[in-house]
Amino acid sequence: MPPCHVHIVGSMPFATAAEGFEALSESLGPKLKRLPDGETGFRRGWSAWQDKVFAADPQFRKTGKLHPMPDKPGDPGVAKYTLAPGIAATDVRFHLPHADYAIADYRDFARLKAAGAIPPHCRFQFDLAPGHVVIWRWFVEELHEVLEPAYDRALIGEIAKMLTVIPASELSVQWDIASRVFARLEWGQPTRYGADKSAMAETFTQNLAMLGEGVPEPVELMYHFCYGYTGEKHTVEPSDMGDMVMMANKIGERIQRPINLIHMPVPRDRSDDAYFAPLSELRLRPETDIALGLVHPADGVAGGQARMACAHKYLPAFQIATECGWGQRPRETIPDLLRLHAALSQ
């Protein structure tokens, strides 16, 4: 198998972004095109830190009761937010801190790059979770339809703020399309996004293309197709790569600007033709790289090579990655994980 690049999905269990930049550069520098800020420190844990953002916003108040989280048996749920008295949903304007975090971490990135600790070709990567993920997680259901687009508009505004400091030629933005999209497509049951898989795919395509167009060139645009990842299991297991390929093709047809990378997960127990065969139906422009999340510490080099060998039957070239971010992994496991990436990328 030919050598390949490595894609780091996003979150990392480091104390600071600088620690992550240095660890990744030392182990995988020539194999990386980008270095994620890692959502380190208090932002570890995906969207949990946003609880404090919404709690401090006078437009919102907590409901005072726990709302169970689907697909998490035994989880007590979260106290979701509703609107404060006198606030109309259509008047809500989200005030987000994402640009501040990105700019602070980019300054460490730029300092280390200038010192030669980061390869000169690497870009700074920042991941964003869209409204359909965050609003579903934190707000009562009757507000979802109105607040989701408001949150997405605020995120696009945050990208514009990032670019007041971060050079566009140094920035890569990855939209984390979390499991609520692909679980709904896998199940194919009616939701407010559509009566069946086809209708939902069209709704999601419109949203994801809009988000992509909100990333101005020459900033790189990437999508992480996620099926959830908790305790070595997905929220829902993909039956094959068909839905991911379908969505990649639909977004690629709809969006005008280049897509630089799409990441797709591969479950540990799938090294069979049935899983990878849909990759032969990809119809993307030449500038779009595919990263396959087929690196699993549990079965090491042998397991990764088996998945890579099968994928190569249907896709001649791809980058390798884990299925999801590393934020839930113990810090002490990361050196071995980096060595595994290095071995498989050879």
C-alpha atoms as a PDB file:
ATOM      1  CA  MET A   1       0.000   0.000   0.000  1.00  0.00           C
ATOM      2  CA  PRO A   2       1.292   3.517  -0.783  1.00  0.00           C
ATOM      3  CA  PRO A   3       2.241   6.000   1.945  1.00  0.00           C
ATOM      4  CA  CYS A   4      -0.523   8.384   2.966  1.00  0.00           C
ATOM      5  CA  HIS A   5      -1.200  11.506   4.995  1.00  0.00           C
ATOM      6  CA  VAL A   6      -2.786  11.508   8.461  1.00  0.00           C
ATOM      7  CA  HIS A   7      -5.848  13.532   9.435  1.00  0.00           C
ATOM      8  CA  ILE A   8      -6.498  14.397  13.086  1.00  0.00           C
ATOM      9  CA  VAL A   9     -10.239  14.742  13.562  1.00  0.00           C
ATOM     10  CA  GLY A  10     -10.167  17.384  16.261  1.00  0.00           C
ATOM     11  CA  SER A  11     -10.312  16.987  20.037  1.00  0.00           C
ATOM     12  CA  MET A  12      -7.271  15.868  22.053  1.00  0.00           C
ATOM     13  CA  PRO A  13      -6.741  15.157  25.772  1.00  0.00           C
ATOM     14  CA  PHE A  14      -3.960  17.701  26.248  1.00  0.00           C
ATOM     15  CA  ALA A  15      -3.920  20.514  28.795  1.00  0.00           C
ATOM     16  CA  THR A  16      -3.253  23.154  26.121  1.00  0.00           C
ATOM     17  CA  ALA A  17      -3.349  23.494  22.364  1.00  0.00           C
ATOM     18  CA  ALA A  18       0.408  24.182  22.348  1.00  0.00           C
ATOM     19  CA  GLU A  19       1.068  20.814  23.976  1.00  0.00           C
ATOM     20  CA  GLY A  20      -0.951  19.128  21.244  1.00  0.00           C
ATOM     21  CA  PHE A  21       0.748  21.055  18.441  1.00  0.00           C
ATOM     22  CA  GLU A  22       4.169  19.987  19.671  1.00  0.00           C
ATOM     23  CA  ALA A  23       3.247  16.330  20.248  1.00  0.00           C
ATOM     24  CA  LEU A  24       1.643  15.951  16.813  1.00  0.00           C
ATOM     25  CA  SER A  25       4.421  17.793  14.996  1.00  0.00           C
ATOM     26  CA  GLU A  26       7.146  15.720  16.617  1.00  0.00           C
ATOM     27  CA  SER A  27       5.468  12.399  15.818  1.00  0.00           C
ATOM     28  CA  LEU A  28       3.666  13.002  12.542  1.00  0.00           C
ATOM     29  CA  GLY A  29       4.720  16.409  11.198  1.00  0.00           C
ATOM     30  CA  PRO A  30       5.559  15.412   7.582  1.00  0.00           C
ATOM     31  CA  LYS A  31       2.358  13.339   7.395  1.00  0.00           C
ATOM     32  CA  LEU A  32       0.028  16.138   8.542  1.00  0.00           C
ATOM     33  CA  LYS A  33      -1.498  18.909   6.456  1.00  0.00           C
ATOM     34  CA  ARG A  34      -3.191  20.537   9.450  1.00  0.00           C
ATOM     35  CA  LEU A  35      -2.968  20.726  13.238  1.00  0.00           C
ATOM     36  CA  PRO A  36      -6.257  21.019  15.179  1.00  0.00           C
ATOM     37  CA  ASP A  37      -6.411  23.242  18.241  1.00  0.00           C
ATOM     38  CA  GLY A  38      -7.673  20.135  20.044  1.00  0.00           C
ATOM     39  CA  GLU A  39     -10.528  21.659  22.078  1.00  0.00           C
ATOM     40  CA  THR A  40      -8.216  21.329  25.064  1.00  0.00           C
ATOM     41  CA  GLY A  41      -8.535  22.300  28.716  1.00  0.00           C
ATOM     42  CA  PHE A  42     -12.035  23.231  29.826  1.00  0.00           C
ATOM     43  CA  ARG A  43     -13.356  22.734  26.268  1.00  0.00           C
ATOM     44  CA  ARG A  44     -12.571  19.027  26.425  1.00  0.00           C
ATOM     45  CA  GLY A  45     -15.789  17.058  26.139  1.00  0.00           C
ATOM     46  CA  TRP A  46     -17.192  18.340  22.870  1.00  0.00           C
ATOM     47  CA  SER A  47     -20.130  20.711  23.530  1.00  0.00           C
ATOM     48  CA  ALA A  48     -20.413  20.378  27.312  1.00  0.00           C
ATOM     49  CA  TRP A  49     -18.557  23.657  27.882  1.00  0.00           C
ATOM     50  CA  GLN A  50     -21.319  25.552  26.070  1.00  0.00           C
ATOM     51  CA  ASP A  51     -23.597  25.003  29.054  1.00  0.00           C
ATOM     52  CA  LYS A  52     -21.781  27.922  30.708  1.00  0.00           C
ATOM     53  CA  VAL A  53     -22.158  30.077  27.591  1.00  0.00           C
ATOM     54  CA  PHE A  54     -25.932  29.638  27.554  1.00  0.00           C
ATOM     55  CA  ALA A  55     -26.213  29.944  31.343  1.00  0.00           C
ATOM     56  CA  ALA A  56     -24.588  33.382  31.191  1.00  0.00           C
ATOM     57  CA  ASP A  57     -26.900  34.604  28.412  1.00  0.00           C
ATOM     58  CA  PRO A  58     -29.947  36.521  29.741  1.00  0.00           C
ATOM     59  CA  GLN A  59     -31.990  35.373  26.724  1.00  0.00           C
ATOM     60  CA  PHE A  60     -32.170  31.845  28.192  1.00  0.00           C
ATOM     61  CA  ARG A  61     -33.064  30.025  31.369  1.00  0.00           C
ATOM     62  CA  LYS A  62     -32.924  26.372  32.354  1.00  0.00           C
ATOM     63  CA  THR A  63     -36.137  24.402  32.450  1.00  0.00           C
ATOM     64  CA  GLY A  64     -35.409  23.083  35.937  1.00  0.00           C
ATOM     65  CA  LYS A  65     -35.916  19.434  34.987  1.00  0.00           C
ATOM     66  CA  LEU A  66     -33.727  16.782  33.428  1.00  0.00           C
ATOM     67  CA  HIS A  67     -34.394  15.771  29.845  1.00  0.00           C
ATOM     68  CA  PRO A  68     -33.228  12.206  29.041  1.00  0.00           C
ATOM     69  CA  MET A  69     -30.744  11.905  26.187  1.00  0.00           C
ATOM     70  CA  PRO A  70     -31.759   9.371  23.508  1.00  0.00           C
ATOM     71  CA  ASP A  71     -29.295   6.563  22.778  1.00  0.00           C
ATOM     72  CA  LYS A  72     -27.700   6.840  26.230  1.00  0.00           C
ATOM     73  CA  PRO A  73     -29.371   4.274  28.511  1.00  0.00           C
ATOM     74  CA  GLY A  74     -28.919   5.129  32.156  1.00  0.00           C
ATOM     75  CA  ASP A  75     -27.918   8.716  31.432  1.00  0.00           C
ATOM     76  CA  PRO A  76     -29.909  11.038  33.731  1.00  0.00           C
ATOM     77  CA  GLY A  77     -30.147  13.642  30.984  1.00  0.00           C
ATOM     78  CA  VAL A  78     -29.502  17.381  30.978  1.00  0.00           C
ATOM     79  CA  ALA A  79     -31.390  20.435  32.171  1.00  0.00           C
ATOM     80  CA  LYS A  80     -32.137  22.003  28.811  1.00  0.00           C
ATOM     81  CA  TYR A  81     -32.655  25.688  28.122  1.00  0.00           C
ATOM     82  CA  THR A  82     -35.783  27.544  27.144  1.00  0.00           C
ATOM     83  CA  LEU A  83     -36.375  31.251  26.563  1.00  0.00           C
ATOM     84  CA  ALA A  84     -36.344  33.788  29.350  1.00  0.00           C
ATOM     85  CA  PRO A  85     -39.642  35.640  29.943  1.00  0.00           C
ATOM     86  CA  GLY A  86     -40.297  38.292  27.316  1.00  0.00           C
ATOM     87  CA  ILE A  87     -37.848  36.827  24.744  1.00  0.00           C
ATOM     88  CA  ALA A  88     -39.201  35.727  21.361  1.00  0.00           C
ATOM     89  CA  ALA A  89     -37.392  32.908  19.584  1.00  0.00           C
ATOM     90  CA  THR A  90     -37.172  34.941  16.385  1.00  0.00           C
ATOM     91  CA  ASP A  91     -35.321  37.713  18.248  1.00  0.00           C
ATOM     92  CA  VAL A  92     -32.568  35.484  19.685  1.00  0.00           C
ATOM     93  CA  ARG A  93     -29.017  36.405  18.735  1.00  0.00           C
ATOM     94  CA  PHE A  94     -26.303  34.035  19.904  1.00  0.00           C
ATOM     95  CA  HIS A  95     -23.145  35.518  21.396  1.00  0.00           C
ATOM     96  CA  LEU A  96     -20.427  32.899  20.973  1.00  0.00           C
ATOM     97  CA  PRO A  97     -16.780  32.716  22.090  1.00  0.00           C
ATOM     98  CA  HIS A  98     -15.431  30.451  19.334  1.00  0.00           C
ATOM     99  CA  ALA A  99     -13.400  33.153  17.590  1.00  0.00           C
ATOM    100  CA  ASP A 100     -11.737  34.181  20.849  1.00  0.00           C
ATOM    101  CA  TYR A 101     -10.665  30.579  21.490  1.00  0.00           C
ATOM    102  CA  ALA A 102      -9.434  30.122  17.922  1.00  0.00           C
ATOM    103  CA  ILE A 103      -7.415  33.334  17.962  1.00  0.00           C
ATOM    104  CA  ALA A 104      -5.796  32.522  21.311  1.00  0.00           C
ATOM    105  CA  ASP A 105      -4.776  29.045  20.127  1.00  0.00           C
ATOM    106  CA  TYR A 106      -3.619  30.336  16.749  1.00  0.00           C
ATOM    107  CA  ARG A 107      -1.194  32.680  18.491  1.00  0.00           C
ATOM    108  CA  ASP A 108       0.457  29.640  20.084  1.00  0.00           C
ATOM    109  CA  PHE A 109       0.405  27.927  16.681  1.00  0.00           C
ATOM    110  CA  ALA A 110       2.069  30.919  14.990  1.00  0.00           C
ATOM    111  CA  ARG A 111       4.689  31.215  17.744  1.00  0.00           C
ATOM    112  CA  LEU A 112       5.641  27.534  17.490  1.00  0.00           C
ATOM    113  CA  LYS A 113       5.648  27.633  13.703  1.00  0.00           C
ATOM    114  CA  ALA A 114       7.971  30.616  13.686  1.00  0.00           C
ATOM    115  CA  ALA A 115      10.273  28.733  16.059  1.00  0.00           C
ATOM    116  CA  GLY A 116      10.372  25.734  13.713  1.00  0.00           C
ATOM    117  CA  ALA A 117       8.447  23.414  16.053  1.00  0.00           C
ATOM    118  CA  ILE A 118       5.555  23.105  13.556  1.00  0.00           C
ATOM    119  CA  PRO A 119       6.204  22.165   9.906  1.00  0.00           C
ATOM    120  CA  PRO A 120       5.910  25.213   7.613  1.00  0.00           C
ATOM    121  CA  HIS A 121       3.304  23.537   5.392  1.00  0.00           C
ATOM    122  CA  CYS A 122       0.785  22.881   8.204  1.00  0.00           C
ATOM    123  CA  ARG A 123      -2.377  24.918   8.638  1.00  0.00           C
ATOM    124  CA  PHE A 124      -4.239  25.719  11.865  1.00  0.00           C
ATOM    125  CA  GLN A 125      -7.468  23.661  12.097  1.00  0.00           C
ATOM    126  CA  PHE A 126     -10.552  24.728  14.039  1.00  0.00           C
ATOM    127  CA  ASP A 127     -13.659  22.541  14.360  1.00  0.00           C
ATOM    128  CA  LEU A 128     -17.235  23.804  14.631  1.00  0.00           C
ATOM    129  CA  ALA A 129     -20.394  21.880  15.581  1.00  0.00           C
ATOM    130  CA  PRO A 130     -23.459  23.198  13.661  1.00  0.00           C
ATOM    131  CA  GLY A 131     -26.771  24.266  15.124  1.00  0.00           C
ATOM    132  CA  HIS A 132     -28.551  20.967  14.485  1.00  0.00           C
ATOM    133  CA  VAL A 133     -26.107  19.387  16.944  1.00  0.00           C
ATOM    134  CA  VAL A 134     -25.769  22.009  19.669  1.00  0.00           C
ATOM    135  CA  ILE A 135     -29.383  23.200  19.773  1.00  0.00           C
ATOM    136  CA  TRP A 136     -30.665  19.606  19.918  1.00  0.00           C
ATOM    137  CA  ARG A 137     -28.300  18.973  22.828  1.00  0.00           C
ATOM    138  CA  TRP A 138     -29.070  22.051  24.919  1.00  0.00           C
ATOM    139  CA  PHE A 139     -32.533  23.443  24.068  1.00  0.00           C
ATOM    140  CA  VAL A 140     -36.093  22.202  24.409  1.00  0.00           C
ATOM    141  CA  GLU A 141     -37.496  20.664  21.256  1.00  0.00           C
ATOM    142  CA  GLU A 142     -40.055  23.339  20.420  1.00  0.00           C
ATOM    143  CA  LEU A 143     -37.236  25.861  19.884  1.00  0.00           C
ATOM    144  CA  HIS A 144     -35.075  23.769  17.571  1.00  0.00           C
ATOM    145  CA  GLU A 145     -36.480  24.860  14.222  1.00  0.00           C
ATOM    146  CA  VAL A 146     -36.041  28.579  14.929  1.00  0.00           C
ATOM    147  CA  LEU A 147     -32.794  28.513  16.918  1.00  0.00           C
ATOM    148  CA  GLU A 148     -30.780  26.182  14.666  1.00  0.00           C
ATOM    149  CA  PRO A 149     -30.409  28.707  11.789  1.00  0.00           C
ATOM    150  CA  ALA A 150     -29.743  31.513  14.271  1.00  0.00           C
ATOM    151  CA  TYR A 151     -26.909  29.519  15.798  1.00  0.00           C
ATOM    152  CA  ASP A 152     -25.469  28.678  12.360  1.00  0.00           C
ATOM    153  CA  ARG A 153     -25.480  32.371  11.421  1.00  0.00           C
ATOM    154  CA  ALA A 154     -23.602  33.146  14.620  1.00  0.00           C
ATOM    155  CA  LEU A 155     -20.968  30.500  13.799  1.00  0.00           C
ATOM    156  CA  ILE A 156     -20.379  31.984  10.348  1.00  0.00           C
ATOM    157  CA  GLY A 157     -19.950  35.335  12.080  1.00  0.00           C
ATOM    158  CA  GLU A 158     -17.333  33.735  14.325  1.00  0.00           C
ATOM    159  CA  ILE A 159     -15.363  32.594  11.258  1.00  0.00           C
ATOM    160  CA  ALA A 160     -15.340  36.198  10.031  1.00  0.00           C
ATOM    161  CA  LYS A 161     -13.989  37.288  13.430  1.00  0.00           C
ATOM    162  CA  MET A 162     -11.251  34.645  13.297  1.00  0.00           C
ATOM    163  CA  LEU A 163     -10.094  36.083   9.982  1.00  0.00           C
ATOM    164  CA  THR A 164      -9.451  39.491  11.521  1.00  0.00           C
ATOM    165  CA  VAL A 165      -6.358  37.882  13.102  1.00  0.00           C
ATOM    166  CA  ILE A 166      -5.755  34.477  11.476  1.00  0.00           C
ATOM    167  CA  PRO A 167      -4.565  34.662   7.836  1.00  0.00           C
ATOM    168  CA  ALA A 168      -7.026  32.870   5.566  1.00  0.00           C
ATOM    169  CA  SER A 169      -4.142  30.948   3.989  1.00  0.00           C
ATOM    170  CA  GLU A 170      -3.294  29.532   7.436  1.00  0.00           C
ATOM    171  CA  LEU A 171      -6.803  28.434   8.492  1.00  0.00           C
ATOM    172  CA  SER A 172      -8.767  25.197   7.975  1.00  0.00           C
ATOM    173  CA  VAL A 173     -12.370  25.001   9.219  1.00  0.00           C
ATOM    174  CA  GLN A 174     -13.956  21.606   9.820  1.00  0.00           C
ATOM    175  CA  TRP A 175     -17.710  21.246  10.277  1.00  0.00           C
ATOM    176  CA  ASP A 176     -18.387  18.369  12.670  1.00  0.00           C
ATOM    177  CA  ILE A 177     -21.552  16.781  11.307  1.00  0.00           C
ATOM    178  CA  ALA A 178     -22.409  14.788  14.396  1.00  0.00           C
ATOM    179  CA  SER A 179     -24.381  11.608  14.704  1.00  0.00           C
ATOM    180  CA  ARG A 180     -27.858  13.144  14.769  1.00  0.00           C
ATOM    181  CA  VAL A 181     -27.624  13.517  10.971  1.00  0.00           C
ATOM    182  CA  PHE A 182     -26.333  10.069  10.103  1.00  0.00           C
ATOM    183  CA  ALA A 183     -28.346   8.261  12.755  1.00  0.00           C
ATOM    184  CA  ARG A 184     -31.523   9.742  11.281  1.00  0.00           C
ATOM    185  CA  LEU A 185     -30.486   8.698   7.781  1.00  0.00           C
ATOM    186  CA  GLU A 186     -29.599   5.188   8.975  1.00  0.00           C
ATOM    187  CA  TRP A 187     -32.949   4.769  10.728  1.00  0.00           C
ATOM    188  CA  GLY A 188     -34.935   6.408   7.905  1.00  0.00           C
ATOM    189  CA  GLN A 189     -37.826   7.293  10.206  1.00  0.00           C
ATOM    190  CA  PRO A 190     -39.884  10.492   9.746  1.00  0.00           C
ATOM    191  CA  THR A 191     -38.530  13.593  11.519  1.00  0.00           C
ATOM    192  CA  ARG A 192     -39.100  17.302  11.122  1.00  0.00           C
ATOM    193  CA  TYR A 193     -36.226  17.212   8.612  1.00  0.00           C
ATOM    194  CA  GLY A 194     -38.219  14.993   6.247  1.00  0.00           C
ATOM    195  CA  ALA A 195     -40.636  12.088   5.907  1.00  0.00           C
ATOM    196  CA  ASP A 196     -37.990   9.613   4.749  1.00  0.00           C
ATOM    197  CA  LYS A 197     -34.264   9.249   4.090  1.00  0.00           C
ATOM    198  CA  SER A 198     -34.406  11.001   0.718  1.00  0.00           C
ATOM    199  CA  ALA A 199     -36.219  14.045   2.083  1.00  0.00           C
ATOM    200  CA  MET A 200     -33.946  14.293   5.120  1.00  0.00           C
ATOM    201  CA  ALA A 201     -30.849  14.002   2.951  1.00  0.00           C
ATOM    202  CA  GLU A 202     -32.056  16.966   0.910  1.00  0.00           C
ATOM    203  CA  THR A 203     -32.704  19.069   4.028  1.00  0.00           C
ATOM    204  CA  PHE A 204     -29.311  18.239   5.507  1.00  0.00           C
ATOM    205  CA  THR A 205     -27.590  18.913   2.172  1.00  0.00           C
ATOM    206  CA  GLN A 206     -29.054  22.418   2.039  1.00  0.00           C
ATOM    207  CA  ASN A 207     -27.823  23.134   5.558  1.00  0.00           C
ATOM    208  CA  LEU A 208     -24.345  21.674   5.102  1.00  0.00           C
ATOM    209  CA  ALA A 209     -23.827  23.434   1.779  1.00  0.00           C
ATOM    210  CA  MET A 210     -24.867  26.734   3.377  1.00  0.00           C
ATOM    211  CA  LEU A 211     -22.345  26.182   6.175  1.00  0.00           C
ATOM    212  CA  GLY A 212     -19.666  25.330   3.644  1.00  0.00           C
ATOM    213  CA  GLU A 213     -20.309  28.468   1.626  1.00  0.00           C
ATOM    214  CA  GLY A 214     -19.899  30.407   4.874  1.00  0.00           C
ATOM    215  CA  VAL A 215     -16.201  29.477   4.858  1.00  0.00           C
ATOM    216  CA  PRO A 216     -14.517  31.988   2.529  1.00  0.00           C
ATOM    217  CA  GLU A 217     -11.632  30.980   0.289  1.00  0.00           C
ATOM    218  CA  PRO A 218      -8.708  30.485   0.659  1.00  0.00           C
ATOM    219  CA  VAL A 219      -9.684  29.091   4.069  1.00  0.00           C
ATOM    220  CA  GLU A 220      -9.819  25.307   3.741  1.00  0.00           C
ATOM    221  CA  LEU A 221     -13.226  23.633   4.142  1.00  0.00           C
ATOM    222  CA  MET A 222     -13.636  20.182   5.654  1.00  0.00           C
ATOM    223  CA  TYR A 223     -16.503  17.988   6.895  1.00  0.00           C
ATOM    224  CA  HIS A 224     -16.299  15.309   9.593  1.00  0.00           C
ATOM    225  CA  PHE A 225     -19.100  12.768   9.097  1.00  0.00           C
ATOM    226  CA  CYS A 226     -19.659  11.409  12.591  1.00  0.00           C
ATOM    227  CA  TYR A 227     -21.679   8.483  13.908  1.00  0.00           C
ATOM    228  CA  GLY A 228     -20.975   9.331  17.545  1.00  0.00           C
ATOM    229  CA  TYR A 229     -18.284   7.707  19.604  1.00  0.00           C
ATOM    230  CA  THR A 230     -18.645   6.797  23.267  1.00  0.00           C
ATOM    231  CA  GLY A 231     -17.031   3.813  24.948  1.00  0.00           C
ATOM    232  CA  GLU A 232     -15.654   2.440  21.649  1.00  0.00           C
ATOM    233  CA  LYS A 233     -19.169   2.323  20.147  1.00  0.00           C
ATOM    234  CA  HIS A 234     -21.162   4.505  17.766  1.00  0.00           C
ATOM    235  CA  THR A 235     -24.519   6.081  18.482  1.00  0.00           C
ATOM    236  CA  VAL A 236     -25.667   3.970  15.566  1.00  0.00           C
ATOM    237  CA  GLU A 237     -23.507   1.589  13.563  1.00  0.00           C
ATOM    238  CA  PRO A 238     -23.325   2.391   9.835  1.00  0.00           C
ATOM    239  CA  SER A 239     -24.547  -0.523   7.752  1.00  0.00           C
ATOM    240  CA  ASP A 240     -22.038   0.518   5.077  1.00  0.00           C
ATOM    241  CA  MET A 241     -20.571   3.723   3.637  1.00  0.00           C
ATOM    242  CA  GLY A 242     -23.569   4.351   1.391  1.00  0.00           C
ATOM    243  CA  ASP A 243     -25.127   7.239   3.331  1.00  0.00           C
ATOM    244  CA  MET A 244     -21.769   8.976   3.731  1.00  0.00           C
ATOM    245  CA  VAL A 245     -21.012   8.664   0.027  1.00  0.00           C
ATOM    246  CA  MET A 246     -24.505   9.899  -0.844  1.00  0.00           C
ATOM    247  CA  MET A 247     -24.112  12.983   1.363  1.00  0.00           C
ATOM    248  CA  ALA A 248     -20.595  13.698   0.113  1.00  0.00           C
ATOM    249  CA  ASN A 249     -21.822  13.623  -3.495  1.00  0.00           C
ATOM    250  CA  LYS A 250     -24.875  15.767  -2.769  1.00  0.00           C
ATOM    251  CA  ILE A 251     -22.876  18.426  -0.922  1.00  0.00           C
ATOM    252  CA  GLY A 252     -20.209  18.392  -3.622  1.00  0.00           C
ATOM    253  CA  GLU A 253     -22.866  18.990  -6.284  1.00  0.00           C
ATOM    254  CA  ARG A 254     -24.505  21.813  -4.332  1.00  0.00           C
ATOM    255  CA  ILE A 255     -21.526  23.796  -3.077  1.00  0.00           C
ATOM    256  CA  GLN A 256     -19.596  26.190  -5.302  1.00  0.00           C
ATOM    257  CA  ARG A 257     -16.337  26.553  -3.407  1.00  0.00           C
ATOM    258  CA  PRO A 258     -13.769  23.715  -3.078  1.00  0.00           C
ATOM    259  CA  ILE A 259     -14.167  21.062  -0.388  1.00  0.00           C
ATOM    260  CA  ASN A 260     -10.696  20.140   0.819  1.00  0.00           C
ATOM    261  CA  LEU A 261     -11.473  17.047   2.887  1.00  0.00           C
ATOM    262  CA  ILE A 262     -14.317  14.786   4.025  1.00  0.00           C
ATOM    263  CA  HIS A 263     -13.749  12.389   6.914  1.00  0.00           C
ATOM    264  CA  MET A 264     -15.707   9.109   7.110  1.00  0.00           C
ATOM    265  CA  PRO A 265     -15.554   6.585   9.991  1.00  0.00           C
ATOM    266  CA  VAL A 266     -14.888   2.851   9.688  1.00  0.00           C
ATOM    267  CA  PRO A 267     -16.006   0.555  12.544  1.00  0.00           C
ATOM    268  CA  ARG A 268     -13.329  -1.736  13.930  1.00  0.00           C
ATOM    269  CA  ASP A 269     -15.103  -4.924  12.855  1.00  0.00           C
ATOM    270  CA  ARG A 270     -15.553  -3.840   9.221  1.00  0.00           C
ATOM    271  CA  SER A 271     -12.831  -4.856   6.792  1.00  0.00           C
ATOM    272  CA  ASP A 272     -15.282  -6.391   4.324  1.00  0.00           C
ATOM    273  CA  ASP A 273     -16.142  -5.445   0.764  1.00  0.00           C
ATOM    274  CA  ALA A 274     -19.774  -4.789   1.606  1.00  0.00           C
ATOM    275  CA  TYR A 275     -18.800  -1.899   3.865  1.00  0.00           C
ATOM    276  CA  PHE A 276     -16.322  -0.187   1.523  1.00  0.00           C
ATOM    277  CA  ALA A 277     -17.915  -0.866  -1.877  1.00  0.00           C
ATOM    278  CA  PRO A 278     -19.986   2.373  -1.912  1.00  0.00           C
ATOM    279  CA  LEU A 279     -16.706   4.342  -2.068  1.00  0.00           C
ATOM    280  CA  SER A 280     -16.552   3.465  -5.763  1.00  0.00           C
ATOM    281  CA  GLU A 281     -19.619   5.721  -6.227  1.00  0.00           C
ATOM    282  CA  LEU A 282     -17.887   8.881  -4.973  1.00  0.00           C
ATOM    283  CA  ARG A 283     -18.218  11.723  -7.463  1.00  0.00           C
ATOM    284  CA  LEU A 284     -16.096  14.474  -5.957  1.00  0.00           C
ATOM    285  CA  ARG A 285     -13.873  17.111  -7.517  1.00  0.00           C
ATOM    286  CA  PRO A 286     -10.126  16.312  -7.611  1.00  0.00           C
ATOM    287  CA  GLU A 287      -9.270  18.759  -4.820  1.00  0.00           C
ATOM    288  CA  THR A 288     -11.356  16.852  -2.259  1.00  0.00           C
ATOM    289  CA  ASP A 289      -9.400  14.408  -0.114  1.00  0.00           C
ATOM    290  CA  ILE A 290     -11.105  11.569   1.748  1.00  0.00           C
ATOM    291  CA  ALA A 291      -9.903  10.600   5.219  1.00  0.00           C
ATOM    292  CA  LEU A 292     -11.018   7.187   6.449  1.00  0.00           C
ATOM    293  CA  GLY A 293     -11.366   6.697  10.206  1.00  0.00           C
ATOM    294  CA  LEU A 294      -9.936   3.199  10.204  1.00  0.00           C
ATOM    295  CA  VAL A 295      -7.199   3.512  12.852  1.00  0.00           C
ATOM    296  CA  HIS A 296      -8.176   1.490  15.940  1.00  0.00           C
ATOM    297  CA  PRO A 297      -5.728   0.937  18.823  1.00  0.00           C
ATOM    298  CA  ALA A 298      -7.533  -2.271  19.824  1.00  0.00           C
ATOM    299  CA  ASP A 299      -6.285  -4.238  16.799  1.00  0.00           C
ATOM    300  CA  GLY A 300      -3.232  -2.166  15.924  1.00  0.00           C
ATOM    301  CA  VAL A 301      -1.275  -2.312  12.712  1.00  0.00           C
ATOM    302  CA  ALA A 302      -2.710  -5.609  11.486  1.00  0.00           C
ATOM    303  CA  GLY A 303      -6.317  -4.475  11.842  1.00  0.00           C
ATOM    304  CA  GLY A 304      -5.601  -1.107  10.249  1.00  0.00           C
ATOM    305  CA  GLN A 305      -3.820  -2.697   7.318  1.00  0.00           C
ATOM    306  CA  ALA A 306      -6.741  -5.062   6.723  1.00  0.00           C
ATOM    307  CA  ARG A 307      -9.186  -2.157   6.572  1.00  0.00           C
ATOM    308  CA  MET A 308      -6.827  -0.148   4.364  1.00  0.00           C
ATOM    309  CA  ALA A 309      -6.379  -3.061   1.953  1.00  0.00           C
ATOM    310  CA  CYS A 310     -10.120  -3.418   1.486  1.00  0.00           C
ATOM    311  CA  ALA A 311     -10.653   0.341   1.110  1.00  0.00           C
ATOM    312  CA  HIS A 312      -7.977   0.512  -1.599  1.00  0.00           C
ATOM    313  CA  LYS A 313     -10.089  -1.774  -3.788  1.00  0.00           C
ATOM    314  CA  TYR A 314     -12.663   1.008  -4.098  1.00  0.00           C
ATOM    315  CA  LEU A 315     -10.689   4.221  -3.454  1.00  0.00           C
ATOM    316  CA  PRO A 316      -7.139   4.492  -4.792  1.00  0.00           C
ATOM    317  CA  ALA A 317      -5.937   7.204  -2.414  1.00  0.00           C
ATOM    318  CA  PHE A 318      -7.056   8.411   1.002  1.00  0.00           C
ATOM    319  CA  GLN A 319      -5.773   9.788   4.278  1.00  0.00           C
ATOM    320  CA  ILE A 320      -6.044   7.809   7.503  1.00  0.00           C
ATOM    321  CA  ALA A 321      -7.564   8.870  10.813  1.00  0.00           C
ATOM    322  CA  THR A 322      -9.382   7.607  13.858  1.00  0.00           C
ATOM    323  CA  GLU A 323     -13.184   7.436  13.781  1.00  0.00           C
ATOM    324  CA  CYS A 324     -13.631  10.531  15.937  1.00  0.00           C
ATOM    325  CA  GLY A 325     -11.720  12.959  18.133  1.00  0.00           C
ATOM    326  CA  TRP A 326      -9.392  11.891  20.928  1.00  0.00           C
ATOM    327  CA  GLY A 327     -10.849  14.003  23.727  1.00  0.00           C
ATOM    328  CA  GLN A 328     -12.290  11.017  25.587  1.00  0.00           C
ATOM    329  CA  ARG A 329      -9.060   9.031  25.462  1.00  0.00           C
ATOM    330  CA  PRO A 330      -6.698   8.953  28.487  1.00  0.00           C
ATOM    331  CA  ARG A 331      -3.680  11.204  27.946  1.00  0.00           C
ATOM    332  CA  GLU A 332      -1.265   8.322  28.551  1.00  0.00           C
ATOM    333  CA  THR A 333      -2.636   6.399  25.528  1.00  0.00           C
ATOM    334  CA  ILE A 334      -1.743   9.099  23.003  1.00  0.00           C
ATOM    335  CA  PRO A 335       1.948   8.230  22.389  1.00  0.00           C
ATOM    336  CA  ASP A 336       0.988   4.703  21.321  1.00  0.00           C
ATOM    337  CA  LEU A 337      -1.816   6.097  19.158  1.00  0.00           C
ATOM    338  CA  LEU A 338       0.622   8.441  17.427  1.00  0.00           C
ATOM    339  CA  ARG A 339       3.026   5.572  16.782  1.00  0.00           C
ATOM    340  CA  LEU A 340       0.175   3.548  15.289  1.00  0.00           C
ATOM    341  CA  HIS A 341      -0.686   6.374  12.892  1.00  0.00           C
ATOM    342  CA  ALA A 342       2.974   6.666  11.904  1.00  0.00           C
ATOM    343  CA  ALA A 343       3.253   2.939  11.205  1.00  0.00           C
ATOM    344  CA  LEU A 344       0.073   2.744   9.125  1.00  0.00           C
ATOM    345  CA  SER A 345       0.891   5.893   7.145  1.00  0.00           C
ATOM    346  CA  GLN A 346       4.101   4.270   5.878  1.00  0.00           C
END
